[in-house]
Amino acid sequence: MNCQRNRGRRGQSVLEFTLVGIPIIFVLISTWEMTRGMWLYHTLAYAIKSGTRYAIVHGQNCTLASNSCAVTISQIAGVIQRAGIGLPPDSVALTFTPAKGNVTTCTLNDCIGNYTSVYWPPPSANAVGNKLKISGVVPFQSVIVMFWPGAGKIAGSPSTLNFSAASLESIQY
């Protein structure tokens, strides 16, 4: 009689572990993925802010004859890359928006390699007090994102969520 009761308990333990273990594993993986996503977002926001700060202190007075501190989009993108360690340079899309003039959009790698002679901000927007805006978008890929509440319908692949960050500052010098 005792032997039969113990066999029934062993099956019950397996069932209990299955019912409790699967949700716990899902919660652990979800926590890990959300943490990774927030790290990616924070890194992007910090890098964009660093690039904007670098640009605003290289404004109007840097283009005077005695100064040689004017910067190119390539140099600003380099600052963003150094501040954003871990960001995928082929996937980060940057947008440079001056107070006046044309908006420039490129990936981080493209900005560094192909904009070495394009000074930013342009002369038409290069005055103390003018606003400069740099924004960036990075895709976050995760299988868990489709289960996050509030994520809604996600454009593109079902496992990609785009994080964006922007910084708006006034030229200081």
Foldseek 3Di string as FASTA:
>chain_A
DVVVVVVVVVVVVVVVCVVPVVVVVVVVVVVVLVVVVVLQLVLQQQLQQQLQVLQLACFDVCPDPVHPRFAKLLVSLVSSPVSRPPADQQFKWKWKDWLDDDIDIDGSVCSNPPTRPHTPPDPVRRDFFTKIKMKIKGKRFDPCLLVDPPSPDAPDDSGIDIRMHMDIDGRHD
